[in-house]
């Protein structure tokens, strides 16, 4: 009888451990989803900033060319 009780306790402990691990997995999966969303947002921000940088660069280059033209006159 003692062996059966021991086995029963071990099975109950294993079941609790599995439940705990499943809960932990669910938490981690939600966190991964959150972080992926944040990464996507940051990637979009970076792309927007690159685009703005290129626009500003083009404008500055145009202004410099105008200044060079004025200096040559």
PDB file of N, CA and C in Angstrom:
ATOM      1  N   UNK A   1       0.812  -1.198   0.000  1.00  0.00           N
ATOM      2  CA  UNK A   1       0.000   0.000   0.000  1.00  0.00           C
ATOM      3  C   UNK A   1       0.855   1.262   0.000  1.00  0.00           C
ATOM      4  N   UNK A   2       1.942   1.214   0.736  1.00  0.00           N
ATOM      5  CA  UNK A   2       2.847   2.359   0.817  1.00  0.00           C
ATOM      6  C   UNK A   2       3.412   2.704  -0.562  1.00  0.00           C
ATOM      7  N   UNK A   3       3.769   1.683  -1.331  1.00  0.00           N
ATOM      8  CA  UNK A   3       4.316   1.907  -2.665  1.00  0.00           C
ATOM      9  C   UNK A   3       3.288   2.582  -3.565  1.00  0.00           C
ATOM     10  N   UNK A   4       2.035   2.167  -3.427  1.00  0.00           N
ATOM     11  CA  UNK A   4       0.967   2.757  -4.229  1.00  0.00           C
ATOM     12  C   UNK A   4       0.778   4.220  -3.855  1.00  0.00           C
ATOM     13  N   UNK A   5       0.840   4.529  -2.587  1.00  0.00           N
ATOM     14  CA  UNK A   5       0.710   5.918  -2.119  1.00  0.00           C
ATOM     15  C   UNK A   5       1.888   6.745  -2.634  1.00  0.00           C
ATOM     16  N   UNK A   6       3.075   6.182  -2.601  1.00  0.00           N
ATOM     17  CA  UNK A   6       4.277   6.849  -3.115  1.00  0.00           C
ATOM     18  C   UNK A   6       4.117   7.169  -4.597  1.00  0.00           C
ATOM     19  N   UNK A   7       3.656   6.186  -5.345  1.00  0.00           N
ATOM     20  CA  UNK A   7       3.452   6.361  -6.782  1.00  0.00           C
ATOM     21  C   UNK A   7       2.383   7.427  -7.039  1.00  0.00           C
ATOM     22  N   UNK A   8       1.336   7.375  -6.259  1.00  0.00           N
ATOM     23  CA  UNK A   8       0.262   8.359  -6.386  1.00  0.00           C
ATOM     24  C   UNK A   8       0.789   9.774  -6.130  1.00  0.00           C
ATOM     25  N   UNK A   9       1.605   9.944  -5.115  1.00  0.00           N
ATOM     26  CA  UNK A   9       2.196  11.245  -4.798  1.00  0.00           C
ATOM     27  C   UNK A   9       3.104  11.727  -5.930  1.00  0.00           C
ATOM     28  N   UNK A  10       3.888  10.835  -6.475  1.00  0.00           N
ATOM     29  CA  UNK A  10       4.791  11.196  -7.573  1.00  0.00           C
ATOM     30  C   UNK A  10       4.005  11.611  -8.817  1.00  0.00           C
ATOM     31  N   UNK A  11       2.933  10.902  -9.099  1.00  0.00           N
ATOM     32  CA  UNK A  11       2.093  11.241 -10.255  1.00  0.00           C
ATOM     33  C   UNK A  11       1.444  12.612 -10.036  1.00  0.00           C
ATOM     34  N   UNK A  12       0.944  12.855  -8.835  1.00  0.00           N
ATOM     35  CA  UNK A  12       0.320  14.149  -8.525  1.00  0.00           C
ATOM     36  C   UNK A  12       1.344  15.275  -8.673  1.00  0.00           C
ATOM     37  N   UNK A  13       2.560  15.056  -8.195  1.00  0.00           N
ATOM     38  CA  UNK A  13       3.617  16.062  -8.306  1.00  0.00           C
ATOM     39  C   UNK A  13       3.968  16.306  -9.775  1.00  0.00           C
ATOM     40  N   UNK A  14       4.021  15.242 -10.559  1.00  0.00           N
ATOM     41  CA  UNK A  14       4.333  15.370 -11.984  1.00  0.00           C
ATOM     42  C   UNK A  14       3.232  16.155 -12.699  1.00  0.00           C
ATOM     43  N   UNK A  15       1.993  15.887 -12.353  1.00  0.00           N
ATOM     44  CA  UNK A  15       0.869  16.606 -12.959  1.00  0.00           C
ATOM     45  C   UNK A  15       0.954  18.098 -12.626  1.00  0.00           C
ATOM     46  N   UNK A  16       1.245  18.417 -11.379  1.00  0.00           N
ATOM     47  CA  UNK A  16       1.380  19.821 -10.975  1.00  0.00           C
ATOM     48  C   UNK A  16       2.537  20.491 -11.719  1.00  0.00           C
ATOM     49  N   UNK A  17       3.622  19.765 -11.870  1.00  0.00           N
ATOM     50  CA  UNK A  17       4.790  20.307 -12.588  1.00  0.00           C
ATOM     51  C   UNK A  17       4.431  20.590 -14.047  1.00  0.00           C
ATOM     52  N   UNK A  18       3.700  19.675 -14.671  1.00  0.00           N
ATOM     53  CA  UNK A  18       3.278  19.870 -16.065  1.00  0.00           C
ATOM     54  C   UNK A  18       2.374  21.100 -16.172  1.00  0.00           C
ATOM     55  N   UNK A  19       1.448  21.257 -15.237  1.00  0.00           N
ATOM     56  CA  UNK A  19       0.565  22.424 -15.239  1.00  0.00           C
ATOM     57  C   UNK A  19       1.379  23.710 -15.123  1.00  0.00           C
ATOM     58  N   UNK A  20       2.332  23.715 -14.195  1.00  0.00           N
ATOM     59  CA  UNK A  20       3.182  24.883 -13.998  1.00  0.00           C
ATOM     60  C   UNK A  20       3.971  25.202 -15.259  1.00  0.00           C
ATOM     61  N   UNK A  21       4.514  24.176 -15.888  1.00  0.00           N
ATOM     62  CA  UNK A  21       5.286  24.387 -17.114  1.00  0.00           C
ATOM     63  C   UNK A  21       4.410  24.909 -18.248  1.00  0.00           C
ATOM     64  N   UNK A  22       3.186  24.392 -18.344  1.00  0.00           N
ATOM     65  CA  UNK A  22       2.266  24.869 -19.380  1.00  0.00           C
ATOM     66  C   UNK A  22       1.914  26.339 -19.163  1.00  0.00           C
ATOM     67  N   UNK A  23       1.685  26.718 -17.909  1.00  0.00           N
ATOM     68  CA  UNK A  23       1.389  28.111 -17.595  1.00  0.00           C
ATOM     69  C   UNK A  23       2.582  29.004 -17.939  1.00  0.00           C
ATOM     70  N   UNK A  24       3.763  28.542 -17.593  1.00  0.00           N
ATOM     71  CA  UNK A  24       4.979  29.290 -17.914  1.00  0.00           C
ATOM     72  C   UNK A  24       5.161  29.443 -19.411  1.00  0.00           C
ATOM     73  N   UNK A  25       4.860  28.387 -20.133  1.00  0.00           N
ATOM     74  CA  UNK A  25       4.969  28.422 -21.596  1.00  0.00           C
ATOM     75  C   UNK A  25       3.997  29.448 -22.173  1.00  0.00           C
ATOM     76  N   UNK A  26       2.778  29.470 -21.654  1.00  0.00           N
ATOM     77  CA  UNK A  26       1.776  30.422 -22.145  1.00  0.00           C
ATOM     78  C   UNK A  26       2.223  31.856 -21.880  1.00  0.00           C
ATOM     79  N   UNK A  27       2.786  32.106 -20.710  1.00  0.00           N
ATOM     80  CA  UNK A  27       3.285  33.445 -20.372  1.00  0.00           C
ATOM     81  C   UNK A  27       4.404  33.828 -21.344  1.00  0.00           C
ATOM     82  N   UNK A  28       5.319  32.923 -21.580  1.00  0.00           N
ATOM     83  CA  UNK A  28       6.442  33.194 -22.488  1.00  0.00           C
ATOM     84  C   UNK A  28       5.958  33.432 -23.919  1.00  0.00           C
ATOM     85  N   UNK A  29       4.971  32.684 -24.348  1.00  0.00           N
ATOM     86  CA  UNK A  29       4.441  32.875 -25.701  1.00  0.00           C
ATOM     87  C   UNK A  29       3.784  34.244 -25.851  1.00  0.00           C
ATOM     88  N   UNK A  30       3.061  34.678 -24.803  1.00  0.00           N
ATOM     89  CA  UNK A  30       2.457  36.020 -24.845  1.00  0.00           C
ATOM     90  C   UNK A  30       3.549  37.083 -24.877  1.00  0.00           C
ATOM     91  N   UNK A  31       4.587  36.882 -24.104  1.00  0.00           N
ATOM     92  CA  UNK A  31       5.693  37.856 -24.065  1.00  0.00           C
ATOM     93  C   UNK A  31       6.402  37.909 -25.421  1.00  0.00           C
ATOM     94  N   UNK A  32       6.589  36.769 -26.035  1.00  0.00           N
ATOM     95  CA  UNK A  32       7.212  36.719 -27.364  1.00  0.00           C
ATOM     96  C   UNK A  32       6.361  37.503 -28.359  1.00  0.00           C
ATOM     97  N   UNK A  33       5.054  37.316 -28.301  1.00  0.00           N
ATOM     98  CA  UNK A  33       4.149  38.029 -29.195  1.00  0.00           C
ATOM     99  C   UNK A  33       4.253  39.539 -28.970  1.00  0.00           C
ATOM    100  N   UNK A  34       4.289  39.947 -27.709  1.00  0.00           N
ATOM    101  CA  UNK A  34       4.441  41.369 -27.386  1.00  0.00           C
ATOM    102  C   UNK A  34       5.749  41.915 -27.949  1.00  0.00           C
ATOM    103  N   UNK A  35       6.827  41.188 -27.736  1.00  0.00           N
ATOM    104  CA  UNK A  35       8.141  41.645 -28.186  1.00  0.00           C
ATOM    105  C   UNK A  35       8.233  41.675 -29.710  1.00  0.00           C
ATOM    106  N   UNK A  36       7.597  40.720 -30.364  1.00  0.00           N
ATOM    107  CA  UNK A  36       7.579  40.733 -31.831  1.00  0.00           C
ATOM    108  C   UNK A  36       6.834  41.960 -32.339  1.00  0.00           C
ATOM    109  N   UNK A  37       5.734  42.303 -31.687  1.00  0.00           N
ATOM    110  CA  UNK A  37       4.989  43.503 -32.063  1.00  0.00           C
ATOM    111  C   UNK A  37       5.823  44.761 -31.861  1.00  0.00           C
ATOM    112  N   UNK A  38       6.512  44.831 -30.736  1.00  0.00           N
ATOM    113  CA  UNK A  38       7.376  45.972 -30.451  1.00  0.00           C
ATOM    114  C   UNK A  38       8.512  46.062 -31.460  1.00  0.00           C
ATOM    115  N   UNK A  39       9.097  44.936 -31.787  1.00  0.00           N
ATOM    116  CA  UNK A  39      10.173  44.903 -32.777  1.00  0.00           C
ATOM    117  C   UNK A  39       9.665  45.384 -34.134  1.00  0.00           C
ATOM    118  N   UNK A  40       8.470  44.968 -34.496  1.00  0.00           N
ATOM    119  CA  UNK A  40       7.878  45.400 -35.765  1.00  0.00           C
ATOM    120  C   UNK A  40       7.661  46.915 -35.776  1.00  0.00           C
ATOM    121  N   UNK A  41       7.149  47.451 -34.660  1.00  0.00           N
ATOM    122  CA  UNK A  41       6.951  48.899 -34.557  1.00  0.00           C
ATOM    123  C   UNK A  41       8.278  49.638 -34.706  1.00  0.00           C
ATOM    124  N   UNK A  42       9.296  49.155 -34.009  1.00  0.00           N
ATOM    125  CA  UNK A  42      10.606  49.814 -34.061  1.00  0.00           C
ATOM    126  C   UNK A  42      11.212  49.716 -35.462  1.00  0.00           C
ATOM    127  N   UNK A  43      11.013  48.613 -36.112  1.00  0.00           N
ATOM    128  CA  UNK A  43      11.511  48.462 -37.486  1.00  0.00           C
ATOM    129  C   UNK A  43      10.837  49.466 -38.410  1.00  0.00           C
ATOM    130  N   UNK A  44       9.539  49.661 -38.221  1.00  0.00           N
ATOM    131  CA  UNK A  44       8.817  50.644 -39.033  1.00  0.00           C
ATOM    132  C   UNK A  44       9.311  52.057 -38.743  1.00  0.00           C
ATOM    133  N   UNK A  45       9.564  52.352 -37.458  1.00  0.00           N
ATOM    134  CA  UNK A  45      10.092  53.662 -37.092  1.00  0.00           C
ATOM    135  C   UNK A  45      11.460  53.902 -37.733  1.00  0.00           C
ATOM    136  N   UNK A  46      12.298  52.890 -37.693  1.00  0.00           N
ATOM    137  CA  UNK A  46      13.629  53.006 -38.288  1.00  0.00           C
ATOM    138  C   UNK A  46      13.505  53.264 -39.779  1.00  0.00           C
ATOM    139  N   UNK A  47      12.629  52.557 -40.436  1.00  0.00           N
ATOM    140  CA  UNK A  47      12.452  52.734 -41.873  1.00  0.00           C
ATOM    141  C   UNK A  47      11.943  54.143 -42.182  1.00  0.00           C
ATOM    142  N   UNK A  48      11.030  54.637 -41.372  1.00  0.00           N
ATOM    143  CA  UNK A  48      10.514  55.993 -41.558  1.00  0.00           C
ATOM    144  C   UNK A  48      11.632  57.016 -41.361  1.00  0.00           C
ATOM    145  N   UNK A  49      12.446  56.827 -40.338  1.00  0.00           N
ATOM    146  CA  UNK A  49      13.553  57.751 -40.085  1.00  0.00           C
ATOM    147  C   UNK A  49      14.570  57.721 -41.225  1.00  0.00           C
ATOM    148  N   UNK A  50      14.827  56.550 -41.764  1.00  0.00           N
ATOM    149  CA  UNK A  50      15.738  56.452 -42.907  1.00  0.00           C
ATOM    150  C   UNK A  50      15.190  57.215 -44.102  1.00  0.00           C
ATOM    151  N   UNK A  51      13.903  57.077 -44.312  1.00  0.00           N
ATOM    152  CA  UNK A  51      13.262  57.777 -45.419  1.00  0.00           C
ATOM    153  C   UNK A  51      13.364  59.290 -45.218  1.00  0.00           C
ATOM    154  N   UNK A  52      13.062  59.738 -44.001  1.00  0.00           N
ATOM    155  CA  UNK A  52      13.163  61.166 -43.701  1.00  0.00           C
ATOM    156  C   UNK A  52      14.601  61.652 -43.867  1.00  0.00           C
ATOM    157  N   UNK A  53      15.546  60.858 -43.433  1.00  0.00           N
ATOM    158  CA  UNK A  53      16.974  61.209 -43.559  1.00  0.00           C
ATOM    159  C   UNK A  53      17.336  61.392 -45.031  1.00  0.00           C
ATOM    160  N   UNK A  54      16.885  60.476 -45.861  1.00  0.00           N
ATOM    161  CA  UNK A  54      17.188  60.577 -47.288  1.00  0.00           C
ATOM    162  C   UNK A  54      16.545  61.817 -47.908  1.00  0.00           C
ATOM    163  N   UNK A  55      15.338  62.139 -47.476  1.00  0.00           N
ATOM    164  CA  UNK A  55      14.664  63.342 -47.976  1.00  0.00           C
ATOM    165  C   UNK A  55      15.446  64.593 -47.584  1.00  0.00           C
ATOM    166  N   UNK A  56      15.842  64.658 -46.326  1.00  0.00           N
ATOM    167  CA  UNK A  56      16.612  65.810 -45.844  1.00  0.00           C
ATOM    168  C   UNK A  56      17.944  65.894 -46.577  1.00  0.00           C
ATOM    169  N   UNK A  57      18.590  64.761 -46.753  1.00  0.00           N
ATOM    170  CA  UNK A  57      19.877  64.728 -47.456  1.00  0.00           C
ATOM    171  C   UNK A  57      19.721  65.278 -48.875  1.00  0.00           C
ATOM    172  N   UNK A  58      18.681  64.849 -49.551  1.00  0.00           N
ATOM    173  CA  UNK A  58      18.429  65.319 -50.919  1.00  0.00           C
ATOM    174  C   UNK A  58      18.182  66.825 -50.929  1.00  0.00           C
ATOM    175  N   UNK A  59      17.420  67.312 -49.972  1.00  0.00           N
ATOM    176  CA  UNK A  59      17.145  68.751 -49.893  1.00  0.00           C
ATOM    177  C   UNK A  59      18.432  69.535 -49.634  1.00  0.00           C
ATOM    178  N   UNK A  60      19.260  69.052 -48.727  1.00  0.00           N
ATOM    179  CA  UNK A  60      20.520  69.729 -48.413  1.00  0.00           C
ATOM    180  C   UNK A  60      21.444  69.736 -49.624  1.00  0.00           C
ATOM    181  N   UNK A  61      21.516  68.613 -50.299  1.00  0.00           N
ATOM    182  CA  UNK A  61      22.358  68.556 -51.502  1.00  0.00           C
ATOM    183  C   UNK A  61      21.880  69.565 -52.544  1.00  0.00           C
ATOM    184  N   UNK A  62      20.559  69.697 -52.696  1.00  0.00           N
ATOM    185  CA  UNK A  62      20.003  70.674 -53.629  1.00  0.00           C
ATOM    186  C   UNK A  62      20.360  72.092 -53.233  1.00  0.00           C
ATOM    187  N   UNK A  63      20.256  72.386 -51.932  1.00  0.00           N
ATOM    188  CA  UNK A  63      20.610  73.717 -51.442  1.00  0.00           C
ATOM    189  C   UNK A  63      22.095  74.010 -51.649  1.00  0.00           C
ATOM    190  N   UNK A  64      22.934  73.019 -51.409  1.00  0.00           N
ATOM    191  CA  UNK A  64      24.374  73.204 -51.612  1.00  0.00           C
ATOM    192  C   UNK A  64      24.689  73.487 -53.078  1.00  0.00           C
ATOM    193  N   UNK A  65      23.990  72.817 -53.961  1.00  0.00           N
ATOM    194  CA  UNK A  65      24.190  73.063 -55.388  1.00  0.00           C
ATOM    195  C   UNK A  65      23.772  74.484 -55.754  1.00  0.00           C
ATOM    196  N   UNK A  66      22.667  74.955 -55.158  1.00  0.00           N
ATOM    197  CA  UNK A  66      22.234  76.321 -55.400  1.00  0.00           C
ATOM    198  C   UNK A  66      23.276  77.316 -54.887  1.00  0.00           C
ATOM    199  N   UNK A  67      23.832  77.038 -53.714  1.00  0.00           N
ATOM    200  CA  UNK A  67      24.856  77.914 -53.149  1.00  0.00           C
ATOM    201  C   UNK A  67      26.087  77.936 -54.063  1.00  0.00           C
ATOM    202  N   UNK A  68      26.477  76.764 -54.547  1.00  0.00           N
ATOM    203  CA  UNK A  68      27.631  76.697 -55.454  1.00  0.00           C
ATOM    204  C   UNK A  68      27.365  77.515 -56.711  1.00  0.00           C
ATOM    205  N   UNK A  69      26.153  77.461 -57.199  1.00  0.00           N
ATOM    206  CA  UNK A  69      25.788  78.218 -58.396  1.00  0.00           C
ATOM    207  C   UNK A  69      25.893  79.718 -58.116  1.00  0.00           C
ATOM    208  N   UNK A  70      25.448  80.150 -56.940  1.00  0.00           N
ATOM    209  CA  UNK A  70      25.518  81.553 -56.566  1.00  0.00           C
ATOM    210  C   UNK A  70      26.966  82.012 -56.427  1.00  0.00           C
ATOM    211  N   UNK A  71      27.815  81.162 -55.897  1.00  0.00           N
ATOM    212  CA  UNK A  71      29.223  81.500 -55.707  1.00  0.00           C
ATOM    213  C   UNK A  71      29.946  81.646 -57.039  1.00  0.00           C
ATOM    214  N   UNK A  72      29.527  80.883 -58.032  1.00  0.00           N
ATOM    215  CA  UNK A  72      30.179  80.929 -59.329  1.00  0.00           C
ATOM    216  C   UNK A  72      29.798  82.176 -60.121  1.00  0.00           C
ATOM    217  N   UNK A  73      28.704  82.785 -59.766  1.00  0.00           N
ATOM    218  CA  UNK A  73      28.243  83.952 -60.530  1.00  0.00           C
ATOM    219  C   UNK A  73      28.969  85.190 -60.166  1.00  0.00           C
TER     220      UNK A  73
END
